[in-house]
């Protein structure tokens, strides 16, 4: 992997880590799915405009549109649905730790769906990672049903991103980054907008300066820029190698949460974080060598 690509992926991880804190700020002023749909729509329109200005063309093949739809439903619809609902129940730092288990889910999905062979260390890493998740969640889980609900939403989001990443990698050679990511965001925004319209009061948004700032930052930097950078990186490197950088997401996320939200981590949760990151390391390391 070239140094420039590595730096590009590090920036992606930093931007991803900032998403949960920004969502946590924004949901105080807007219904969850309404906020999510606005985020996806603004980001998608921004990328699509740039793509058209740069002379990129809409895809013509049905197979390409199928892949774009898979990315949109996975990464955007399911990913945003889980993320925005989870932000109500789980602190930003812990959320980034659990969300960073996406490589574990990717390895498990590859084994079940693609029949990809996993080594002994991968199985051990999967077990270690999920034990770590339980440890991270345990201090609050025993006394709060809503916390368990929040964890479930994060896992749903991670699963959606996993499916989206697999589809995104297969899409990498079929479409330009700006066009592909702009379209998948707009496709993914449709189910979110539909659910928001029928389940929420979409006119109850409080357009405060804090909300507008979080929406703009989340849409343009935490979504449009991050999807473009990530998709561009996947054109140049394997998904498993890019996923290895997911270790940085909880590090960045916990740092941001500690600085801006005063979030603290207990001993059990710290041990769980270490187990989770070790599990991800074993899975990715084993998949690289098998």
C-alpha atoms as a PDB file:
ATOM      1  CA  UNK A   1       0.000   0.000   0.000  1.00  0.00           C
ATOM      2  CA  UNK A   2       1.334   3.422  -0.929  1.00  0.00           C
ATOM      3  CA  UNK A   3       1.896   5.988   1.822  1.00  0.00           C
ATOM      4  CA  UNK A   4      -0.608   8.392   0.248  1.00  0.00           C
ATOM      5  CA  UNK A   5      -3.306   5.706   0.294  1.00  0.00           C
ATOM      6  CA  UNK A   6      -2.535   4.927   3.922  1.00  0.00           C
ATOM      7  CA  UNK A   7      -2.852   8.588   4.893  1.00  0.00           C
ATOM      8  CA  UNK A   8      -6.103   8.777   2.937  1.00  0.00           C
ATOM      9  CA  UNK A   9      -7.551   5.856   4.916  1.00  0.00           C
ATOM     10  CA  UNK A  10      -6.382   7.365   8.240  1.00  0.00           C
ATOM     11  CA  UNK A  11      -8.319  10.535   7.356  1.00  0.00           C
ATOM     12  CA  UNK A  12     -11.367   8.352   6.612  1.00  0.00           C
ATOM     13  CA  UNK A  13     -11.134   6.732  10.047  1.00  0.00           C
ATOM     14  CA  UNK A  14     -10.843  10.128  11.760  1.00  0.00           C
ATOM     15  CA  UNK A  15     -13.891  11.422   9.905  1.00  0.00           C
ATOM     16  CA  UNK A  16     -15.848   8.257  10.712  1.00  0.00           C
ATOM     17  CA  UNK A  17     -14.968   8.613  14.384  1.00  0.00           C
ATOM     18  CA  UNK A  18     -16.399  12.142  14.395  1.00  0.00           C
ATOM     19  CA  UNK A  19     -19.777  10.995  13.063  1.00  0.00           C
ATOM     20  CA  UNK A  20     -21.284   9.621  16.292  1.00  0.00           C
ATOM     21  CA  UNK A  21     -20.513  12.820  18.276  1.00  0.00           C
ATOM     22  CA  UNK A  22     -22.039  14.960  15.510  1.00  0.00           C
ATOM     23  CA  UNK A  23     -25.123  12.738  15.374  1.00  0.00           C
ATOM     24  CA  UNK A  24     -25.438  12.963  19.169  1.00  0.00           C
ATOM     25  CA  UNK A  25     -25.486  16.757  18.921  1.00  0.00           C
ATOM     26  CA  UNK A  26     -27.936  16.876  16.019  1.00  0.00           C
ATOM     27  CA  UNK A  27     -30.611  14.501  17.298  1.00  0.00           C
ATOM     28  CA  UNK A  28     -31.386  16.965  20.078  1.00  0.00           C
ATOM     29  CA  UNK A  29     -32.952  19.200  17.421  1.00  0.00           C
ATOM     30  CA  UNK A  30     -34.434  16.829  14.826  1.00  0.00           C
ATOM     31  CA  UNK A  31     -36.198  13.446  14.605  1.00  0.00           C
ATOM     32  CA  UNK A  32     -33.719  10.628  14.030  1.00  0.00           C
ATOM     33  CA  UNK A  33     -34.699   9.455  10.551  1.00  0.00           C
ATOM     34  CA  UNK A  34     -35.446  12.966   9.313  1.00  0.00           C
ATOM     35  CA  UNK A  35     -31.920  13.958  10.319  1.00  0.00           C
ATOM     36  CA  UNK A  36     -30.489  10.809   8.696  1.00  0.00           C
ATOM     37  CA  UNK A  37     -32.379  11.392   5.442  1.00  0.00           C
ATOM     38  CA  UNK A  38     -31.224  15.013   5.279  1.00  0.00           C
ATOM     39  CA  UNK A  39     -27.622  13.929   5.862  1.00  0.00           C
ATOM     40  CA  UNK A  40     -27.722  11.377   3.043  1.00  0.00           C
ATOM     41  CA  UNK A  41     -29.548  13.688   0.623  1.00  0.00           C
ATOM     42  CA  UNK A  42     -27.251  16.681   1.122  1.00  0.00           C
ATOM     43  CA  UNK A  43     -24.142  14.513   0.797  1.00  0.00           C
ATOM     44  CA  UNK A  44     -25.492  12.708  -2.267  1.00  0.00           C
ATOM     45  CA  UNK A  45     -26.495  15.903  -4.058  1.00  0.00           C
ATOM     46  CA  UNK A  46     -23.108  17.502  -3.303  1.00  0.00           C
ATOM     47  CA  UNK A  47     -21.192  14.554  -4.777  1.00  0.00           C
ATOM     48  CA  UNK A  48     -23.514  14.248  -7.773  1.00  0.00           C
ATOM     49  CA  UNK A  49     -23.123  17.941  -8.640  1.00  0.00           C
ATOM     50  CA  UNK A  50     -19.329  17.613  -8.472  1.00  0.00           C
ATOM     51  CA  UNK A  51     -19.468  14.483 -10.636  1.00  0.00           C
ATOM     52  CA  UNK A  52     -21.553  16.201 -13.313  1.00  0.00           C
ATOM     53  CA  UNK A  53     -19.361  19.328 -13.254  1.00  0.00           C
ATOM     54  CA  UNK A  54     -16.327  17.090 -13.821  1.00  0.00           C
ATOM     55  CA  UNK A  55     -18.038  15.438 -16.796  1.00  0.00           C
ATOM     56  CA  UNK A  56     -18.735  12.050 -15.225  1.00  0.00           C
ATOM     57  CA  UNK A  57     -21.621  10.083 -16.724  1.00  0.00           C
ATOM     58  CA  UNK A  58     -24.480   8.123 -15.191  1.00  0.00           C
ATOM     59  CA  UNK A  59     -23.991   4.338 -15.234  1.00  0.00           C
ATOM     60  CA  UNK A  60     -25.715   2.507 -18.077  1.00  0.00           C
ATOM     61  CA  UNK A  61     -25.402  -1.128 -17.057  1.00  0.00           C
ATOM     62  CA  UNK A  62     -28.067  -2.714 -14.876  1.00  0.00           C
ATOM     63  CA  UNK A  63     -25.406  -4.650 -12.965  1.00  0.00           C
ATOM     64  CA  UNK A  64     -23.753  -1.378 -11.952  1.00  0.00           C
ATOM     65  CA  UNK A  65     -27.043   0.043 -10.711  1.00  0.00           C
ATOM     66  CA  UNK A  66     -27.640  -3.165  -8.746  1.00  0.00           C
ATOM     67  CA  UNK A  67     -24.308  -2.748  -6.978  1.00  0.00           C
ATOM     68  CA  UNK A  68     -24.996   0.936  -6.315  1.00  0.00           C
ATOM     69  CA  UNK A  69     -28.359  -0.020  -4.804  1.00  0.00           C
ATOM     70  CA  UNK A  70     -26.719  -2.670  -2.614  1.00  0.00           C
ATOM     71  CA  UNK A  71     -24.231  -0.113  -1.302  1.00  0.00           C
ATOM     72  CA  UNK A  72     -27.006   2.429  -0.759  1.00  0.00           C
ATOM     73  CA  UNK A  73     -29.292   0.061   1.144  1.00  0.00           C
ATOM     74  CA  UNK A  74     -26.422  -1.379   3.189  1.00  0.00           C
ATOM     75  CA  UNK A  75     -24.113   1.511   4.014  1.00  0.00           C
ATOM     76  CA  UNK A  76     -26.627   4.360   3.880  1.00  0.00           C
ATOM     77  CA  UNK A  77     -30.119   3.031   4.689  1.00  0.00           C
ATOM     78  CA  UNK A  78     -29.201   0.389   7.292  1.00  0.00           C
ATOM     79  CA  UNK A  79     -25.996   2.113   8.398  1.00  0.00           C
ATOM     80  CA  UNK A  80     -27.622   5.477   9.051  1.00  0.00           C
ATOM     81  CA  UNK A  81     -30.801   3.918  10.493  1.00  0.00           C
ATOM     82  CA  UNK A  82     -28.787   2.066  13.119  1.00  0.00           C
ATOM     83  CA  UNK A  83     -26.365   4.906  13.816  1.00  0.00           C
ATOM     84  CA  UNK A  84     -28.964   7.624  14.360  1.00  0.00           C
ATOM     85  CA  UNK A  85     -31.162   5.491  16.619  1.00  0.00           C
ATOM     86  CA  UNK A  86     -28.163   4.224  18.610  1.00  0.00           C
ATOM     87  CA  UNK A  87     -27.030   7.775  19.378  1.00  0.00           C
ATOM     88  CA  UNK A  88     -30.063   8.192  21.636  1.00  0.00           C
ATOM     89  CA  UNK A  89     -29.047   5.318  23.917  1.00  0.00           C
ATOM     90  CA  UNK A  90     -25.249   4.895  23.755  1.00  0.00           C
ATOM     91  CA  UNK A  91     -22.445   7.400  24.382  1.00  0.00           C
ATOM     92  CA  UNK A  92     -20.379   8.436  21.332  1.00  0.00           C
ATOM     93  CA  UNK A  93     -17.105   6.851  22.478  1.00  0.00           C
ATOM     94  CA  UNK A  94     -18.587   3.436  23.244  1.00  0.00           C
ATOM     95  CA  UNK A  95     -20.573   3.592  20.008  1.00  0.00           C
ATOM     96  CA  UNK A  96     -17.409   3.994  17.931  1.00  0.00           C
ATOM     97  CA  UNK A  97     -15.803   1.006  19.673  1.00  0.00           C
ATOM     98  CA  UNK A  98     -18.715  -1.302  18.915  1.00  0.00           C
ATOM     99  CA  UNK A  99     -19.130   0.054  15.376  1.00  0.00           C
ATOM    100  CA  UNK A 100     -15.452  -0.689  14.689  1.00  0.00           C
ATOM    101  CA  UNK A 101     -16.221  -4.420  14.910  1.00  0.00           C
ATOM    102  CA  UNK A 102     -17.354  -4.237  11.277  1.00  0.00           C
ATOM    103  CA  UNK A 103     -14.300  -6.289  10.153  1.00  0.00           C
ATOM    104  CA  UNK A 104     -15.424  -9.083  12.497  1.00  0.00           C
ATOM    105  CA  UNK A 105     -18.844  -9.113  10.864  1.00  0.00           C
ATOM    106  CA  UNK A 106     -17.205  -8.956   7.437  1.00  0.00           C
ATOM    107  CA  UNK A 107     -15.117 -12.035   8.228  1.00  0.00           C
ATOM    108  CA  UNK A 108     -18.169 -13.878   9.549  1.00  0.00           C
ATOM    109  CA  UNK A 109     -20.237 -12.897   6.503  1.00  0.00           C
ATOM    110  CA  UNK A 110     -17.448 -13.997   4.170  1.00  0.00           C
ATOM    111  CA  UNK A 111     -17.374 -17.394   5.867  1.00  0.00           C
ATOM    112  CA  UNK A 112     -21.150 -17.903   5.711  1.00  0.00           C
ATOM    113  CA  UNK A 113     -21.992 -16.353   2.330  1.00  0.00           C
ATOM    114  CA  UNK A 114     -18.784 -16.607   0.329  1.00  0.00           C
ATOM    115  CA  UNK A 115     -17.550 -19.830   1.980  1.00  0.00           C
ATOM    116  CA  UNK A 116     -14.229 -18.083   2.555  1.00  0.00           C
ATOM    117  CA  UNK A 117     -11.867 -20.216   4.630  1.00  0.00           C
ATOM    118  CA  UNK A 118     -10.885 -18.822   8.016  1.00  0.00           C
ATOM    119  CA  UNK A 119      -7.807 -19.898   9.940  1.00  0.00           C
ATOM    120  CA  UNK A 120      -7.780 -20.963  13.583  1.00  0.00           C
ATOM    121  CA  UNK A 121      -6.578 -17.523  14.648  1.00  0.00           C
ATOM    122  CA  UNK A 122      -9.494 -15.927  12.819  1.00  0.00           C
ATOM    123  CA  UNK A 123     -12.006 -18.008  14.754  1.00  0.00           C
ATOM    124  CA  UNK A 124     -10.216 -17.157  17.987  1.00  0.00           C
ATOM    125  CA  UNK A 125     -10.225 -13.489  16.983  1.00  0.00           C
ATOM    126  CA  UNK A 126     -13.963 -13.579  16.274  1.00  0.00           C
ATOM    127  CA  UNK A 127     -14.650 -15.074  19.693  1.00  0.00           C
ATOM    128  CA  UNK A 128     -12.323 -12.588  21.386  1.00  0.00           C
ATOM    129  CA  UNK A 129     -13.920  -9.666  19.587  1.00  0.00           C
ATOM    130  CA  UNK A 130     -17.454 -10.587  20.554  1.00  0.00           C
ATOM    131  CA  UNK A 131     -16.395 -11.190  24.177  1.00  0.00           C
ATOM    132  CA  UNK A 132     -14.905  -7.701  24.051  1.00  0.00           C
ATOM    133  CA  UNK A 133     -18.191  -6.255  22.805  1.00  0.00           C
ATOM    134  CA  UNK A 134     -20.012  -7.918  25.702  1.00  0.00           C
ATOM    135  CA  UNK A 135     -17.490  -6.468  28.161  1.00  0.00           C
ATOM    136  CA  UNK A 136     -17.818  -2.961  26.713  1.00  0.00           C
ATOM    137  CA  UNK A 137     -21.600  -3.143  26.929  1.00  0.00           C
ATOM    138  CA  UNK A 138     -21.885  -4.992  30.256  1.00  0.00           C
ATOM    139  CA  UNK A 139     -21.634  -2.116  32.795  1.00  0.00           C
ATOM    140  CA  UNK A 140     -24.815  -0.515  31.441  1.00  0.00           C
ATOM    141  CA  UNK A 141     -26.488  -3.530  29.876  1.00  0.00           C
ATOM    142  CA  UNK A 142     -27.538  -5.166  33.133  1.00  0.00           C
ATOM    143  CA  UNK A 143     -29.442  -2.129  34.324  1.00  0.00           C
ATOM    144  CA  UNK A 144     -30.850  -0.631  31.139  1.00  0.00           C
ATOM    145  CA  UNK A 145     -32.990  -2.177  28.424  1.00  0.00           C
ATOM    146  CA  UNK A 146     -32.567   0.941  26.303  1.00  0.00           C
ATOM    147  CA  UNK A 147     -28.776   0.484  26.377  1.00  0.00           C
ATOM    148  CA  UNK A 148     -29.200  -3.035  24.992  1.00  0.00           C
ATOM    149  CA  UNK A 149     -31.432  -1.533  22.308  1.00  0.00           C
ATOM    150  CA  UNK A 150     -28.705   0.972  21.474  1.00  0.00           C
ATOM    151  CA  UNK A 151     -26.104  -1.796  21.146  1.00  0.00           C
ATOM    152  CA  UNK A 152     -28.451  -3.672  18.803  1.00  0.00           C
ATOM    153  CA  UNK A 153     -28.825  -0.566  16.629  1.00  0.00           C
ATOM    154  CA  UNK A 154     -25.033  -0.187  16.390  1.00  0.00           C
ATOM    155  CA  UNK A 155     -24.603  -3.824  15.378  1.00  0.00           C
ATOM    156  CA  UNK A 156     -27.330  -3.345  12.741  1.00  0.00           C
ATOM    157  CA  UNK A 157     -25.444  -0.315  11.424  1.00  0.00           C
ATOM    158  CA  UNK A 158     -22.160  -2.250  11.368  1.00  0.00           C
ATOM    159  CA  UNK A 159     -23.827  -5.116   9.510  1.00  0.00           C
ATOM    160  CA  UNK A 160     -25.243  -2.692   6.949  1.00  0.00           C
ATOM    161  CA  UNK A 161     -21.815  -1.125   6.435  1.00  0.00           C
ATOM    162  CA  UNK A 162     -20.324  -4.614   6.072  1.00  0.00           C
ATOM    163  CA  UNK A 163     -22.735  -5.504   3.267  1.00  0.00           C
ATOM    164  CA  UNK A 164     -22.183  -2.085   1.705  1.00  0.00           C
ATOM    165  CA  UNK A 165     -18.395  -2.431   1.781  1.00  0.00           C
ATOM    166  CA  UNK A 166     -18.480  -5.812   0.049  1.00  0.00           C
ATOM    167  CA  UNK A 167     -20.732  -4.361  -2.669  1.00  0.00           C
ATOM    168  CA  UNK A 168     -18.598  -1.212  -2.842  1.00  0.00           C
ATOM    169  CA  UNK A 169     -15.442  -3.194  -3.515  1.00  0.00           C
ATOM    170  CA  UNK A 170     -17.142  -4.998  -6.418  1.00  0.00           C
ATOM    171  CA  UNK A 171     -18.360  -1.623  -7.708  1.00  0.00           C
ATOM    172  CA  UNK A 172     -14.908  -0.003  -7.645  1.00  0.00           C
ATOM    173  CA  UNK A 173     -14.040  -0.820 -11.264  1.00  0.00           C
ATOM    174  CA  UNK A 174     -17.469   0.032 -12.692  1.00  0.00           C
ATOM    175  CA  UNK A 175     -18.021   3.696 -11.866  1.00  0.00           C
ATOM    176  CA  UNK A 176     -16.198   6.905 -10.917  1.00  0.00           C
ATOM    177  CA  UNK A 177     -15.976   7.615  -7.191  1.00  0.00           C
ATOM    178  CA  UNK A 178     -17.974  10.859  -7.140  1.00  0.00           C
ATOM    179  CA  UNK A 179     -20.784   9.489  -9.304  1.00  0.00           C
ATOM    180  CA  UNK A 180     -20.975   6.107  -7.583  1.00  0.00           C
ATOM    181  CA  UNK A 181     -21.013   7.452  -4.042  1.00  0.00           C
ATOM    182  CA  UNK A 182     -23.370  10.302  -4.870  1.00  0.00           C
ATOM    183  CA  UNK A 183     -25.883   7.904  -6.390  1.00  0.00           C
ATOM    184  CA  UNK A 184     -25.668   5.337  -3.587  1.00  0.00           C
ATOM    185  CA  UNK A 185     -26.299   8.053  -1.005  1.00  0.00           C
ATOM    186  CA  UNK A 186     -29.380   9.241  -2.882  1.00  0.00           C
ATOM    187  CA  UNK A 187     -30.632   5.666  -3.319  1.00  0.00           C
ATOM    188  CA  UNK A 188     -30.063   5.004   0.377  1.00  0.00           C
ATOM    189  CA  UNK A 189     -31.814   8.217   1.385  1.00  0.00           C
ATOM    190  CA  UNK A 190     -35.123   7.091  -0.158  1.00  0.00           C
ATOM    191  CA  UNK A 191     -36.027   4.420   2.456  1.00  0.00           C
ATOM    192  CA  UNK A 192     -34.900   6.786   5.225  1.00  0.00           C
ATOM    193  CA  UNK A 193     -37.078   9.617   3.898  1.00  0.00           C
ATOM    194  CA  UNK A 194     -40.023   7.252   3.409  1.00  0.00           C
ATOM    195  CA  UNK A 195     -39.811   5.965   6.991  1.00  0.00           C
ATOM    196  CA  UNK A 196     -39.316   9.486   8.338  1.00  0.00           C
ATOM    197  CA  UNK A 197     -42.393  10.794   6.532  1.00  0.00           C
ATOM    198  CA  UNK A 198     -44.678   8.070   7.879  1.00  0.00           C
ATOM    199  CA  UNK A 199     -43.258   7.659  11.402  1.00  0.00           C
ATOM    200  CA  UNK A 200     -41.989  11.104  12.439  1.00  0.00           C
ATOM    201  CA  UNK A 201     -43.016  14.742  12.482  1.00  0.00           C
ATOM    202  CA  UNK A 202     -40.648  15.941   9.775  1.00  0.00           C
ATOM    203  CA  UNK A 203     -41.638  19.564  10.415  1.00  0.00           C
ATOM    204  CA  UNK A 204     -40.457  19.531  14.035  1.00  0.00           C
ATOM    205  CA  UNK A 205     -36.812  20.234  13.170  1.00  0.00           C
ATOM    206  CA  UNK A 206     -35.341  23.064  15.260  1.00  0.00           C
ATOM    207  CA  UNK A 207     -33.066  24.981  12.896  1.00  0.00           C
ATOM    208  CA  UNK A 208     -30.654  26.237  15.530  1.00  0.00           C
ATOM    209  CA  UNK A 209     -27.084  27.214  14.736  1.00  0.00           C
ATOM    210  CA  UNK A 210     -25.833  24.116  16.526  1.00  0.00           C
ATOM    211  CA  UNK A 211     -28.068  21.826  14.473  1.00  0.00           C
ATOM    212  CA  UNK A 212     -27.178  23.448  11.146  1.00  0.00           C
ATOM    213  CA  UNK A 213     -23.478  23.219  11.990  1.00  0.00           C
ATOM    214  CA  UNK A 214     -23.726  19.542  12.903  1.00  0.00           C
ATOM    215  CA  UNK A 215     -25.808  18.789   9.785  1.00  0.00           C
ATOM    216  CA  UNK A 216     -23.393  20.555   7.422  1.00  0.00           C
ATOM    217  CA  UNK A 217     -20.288  19.025   9.013  1.00  0.00           C
ATOM    218  CA  UNK A 218     -21.842  15.564   9.102  1.00  0.00           C
ATOM    219  CA  UNK A 219     -23.177  15.744   5.535  1.00  0.00           C
ATOM    220  CA  UNK A 220     -20.190  17.259   3.751  1.00  0.00           C
ATOM    221  CA  UNK A 221     -17.215  16.020   5.770  1.00  0.00           C
ATOM    222  CA  UNK A 222     -18.522  12.985   7.668  1.00  0.00           C
ATOM    223  CA  UNK A 223     -20.423  11.612   4.661  1.00  0.00           C
ATOM    224  CA  UNK A 224     -19.668  13.079   1.217  1.00  0.00           C
ATOM    225  CA  UNK A 225     -15.916  13.446   1.745  1.00  0.00           C
ATOM    226  CA  UNK A 226     -15.526  10.229   3.717  1.00  0.00           C
ATOM    227  CA  UNK A 227     -17.410   8.063   1.185  1.00  0.00           C
ATOM    228  CA  UNK A 228     -15.440   9.568  -1.711  1.00  0.00           C
ATOM    229  CA  UNK A 229     -12.102   8.990   0.050  1.00  0.00           C
ATOM    230  CA  UNK A 230     -13.057   5.452   1.120  1.00  0.00           C
ATOM    231  CA  UNK A 231     -14.312   4.409  -2.308  1.00  0.00           C
ATOM    232  CA  UNK A 232     -11.201   5.898  -3.928  1.00  0.00           C
ATOM    233  CA  UNK A 233      -9.026   3.939  -1.502  1.00  0.00           C
ATOM    234  CA  UNK A 234     -10.840   0.679  -2.288  1.00  0.00           C
ATOM    235  CA  UNK A 235      -9.969   1.197  -5.942  1.00  0.00           C
ATOM    236  CA  UNK A 236      -6.298   0.962  -4.941  1.00  0.00           C
ATOM    237  CA  UNK A 237      -6.167  -1.591  -2.130  1.00  0.00           C
ATOM    238  CA  UNK A 238      -7.892  -4.729  -0.852  1.00  0.00           C
ATOM    239  CA  UNK A 239     -10.872  -4.326   1.472  1.00  0.00           C
ATOM    240  CA  UNK A 240      -9.212  -6.468   4.157  1.00  0.00           C
ATOM    241  CA  UNK A 241      -6.103  -4.258   4.133  1.00  0.00           C
ATOM    242  CA  UNK A 242      -8.168  -1.071   4.290  1.00  0.00           C
ATOM    243  CA  UNK A 243     -10.272  -2.540   7.109  1.00  0.00           C
ATOM    244  CA  UNK A 244      -7.118  -3.047   9.168  1.00  0.00           C
ATOM    245  CA  UNK A 245      -7.133   0.698   9.826  1.00  0.00           C
ATOM    246  CA  UNK A 246     -10.437   0.318  11.701  1.00  0.00           C
ATOM    247  CA  UNK A 247      -8.312   0.062  14.866  1.00  0.00           C
ATOM    248  CA  UNK A 248      -8.000   3.828  14.694  1.00  0.00           C
ATOM    249  CA  UNK A 249     -11.750   4.532  14.827  1.00  0.00           C
ATOM    250  CA  UNK A 250     -12.244   3.757  18.549  1.00  0.00           C
ATOM    251  CA  UNK A 251      -8.980   5.525  19.413  1.00  0.00           C
ATOM    252  CA  UNK A 252     -10.138   8.679  17.640  1.00  0.00           C
ATOM    253  CA  UNK A 253     -13.723   8.225  18.841  1.00  0.00           C
ATOM    254  CA  UNK A 254     -12.852   7.827  22.517  1.00  0.00           C
ATOM    255  CA  UNK A 255     -10.480  10.803  22.339  1.00  0.00           C
ATOM    256  CA  UNK A 256     -13.169  13.014  20.785  1.00  0.00           C
ATOM    257  CA  UNK A 257     -15.753  11.810  23.323  1.00  0.00           C
ATOM    258  CA  UNK A 258     -13.399  12.479  26.245  1.00  0.00           C
ATOM    259  CA  UNK A 259     -12.524  15.997  25.048  1.00  0.00           C
ATOM    260  CA  UNK A 260     -15.965  17.223  23.986  1.00  0.00           C
ATOM    261  CA  UNK A 261     -18.373  15.099  26.048  1.00  0.00           C
ATOM    262  CA  UNK A 262     -16.329  14.379  29.190  1.00  0.00           C
ATOM    263  CA  UNK A 263     -16.841  10.661  28.611  1.00  0.00           C
ATOM    264  CA  UNK A 264     -14.889   8.321  30.900  1.00  0.00           C
ATOM    265  CA  UNK A 265     -14.189   4.614  30.508  1.00  0.00           C
ATOM    266  CA  UNK A 266     -14.348   2.095  33.375  1.00  0.00           C
ATOM    267  CA  UNK A 267     -11.881  -0.747  33.894  1.00  0.00           C
ATOM    268  CA  UNK A 268     -14.237  -3.417  32.532  1.00  0.00           C
ATOM    269  CA  UNK A 269     -14.961  -1.350  29.438  1.00  0.00           C
ATOM    270  CA  UNK A 270     -11.243  -0.651  28.937  1.00  0.00           C
ATOM    271  CA  UNK A 271     -10.560  -4.389  29.072  1.00  0.00           C
ATOM    272  CA  UNK A 272     -13.398  -4.960  26.607  1.00  0.00           C
ATOM    273  CA  UNK A 273     -11.958  -2.391  24.216  1.00  0.00           C
ATOM    274  CA  UNK A 274      -8.569  -4.132  24.366  1.00  0.00           C
ATOM    275  CA  UNK A 275     -10.198  -7.520  23.698  1.00  0.00           C
ATOM    276  CA  UNK A 276     -12.237  -6.137  20.803  1.00  0.00           C
ATOM    277  CA  UNK A 277      -9.245  -4.519  19.117  1.00  0.00           C
ATOM    278  CA  UNK A 278      -7.164  -7.667  19.668  1.00  0.00           C
ATOM    279  CA  UNK A 279      -9.915  -9.743  18.087  1.00  0.00           C
ATOM    280  CA  UNK A 280     -10.107  -7.497  15.041  1.00  0.00           C
ATOM    281  CA  UNK A 281      -6.302  -7.627  14.764  1.00  0.00           C
ATOM    282  CA  UNK A 282      -6.269 -11.434  14.800  1.00  0.00           C
ATOM    283  CA  UNK A 283      -9.045 -11.718  12.217  1.00  0.00           C
ATOM    284  CA  UNK A 284      -7.473  -9.236   9.819  1.00  0.00           C
ATOM    285  CA  UNK A 285      -3.946 -10.548  10.337  1.00  0.00           C
ATOM    286  CA  UNK A 286      -5.020 -14.138   9.773  1.00  0.00           C
ATOM    287  CA  UNK A 287      -7.028 -13.250   6.653  1.00  0.00           C
ATOM    288  CA  UNK A 288      -4.015 -11.476   5.218  1.00  0.00           C
ATOM    289  CA  UNK A 289      -1.832 -14.574   5.546  1.00  0.00           C
ATOM    290  CA  UNK A 290      -4.266 -17.381   4.690  1.00  0.00           C
END
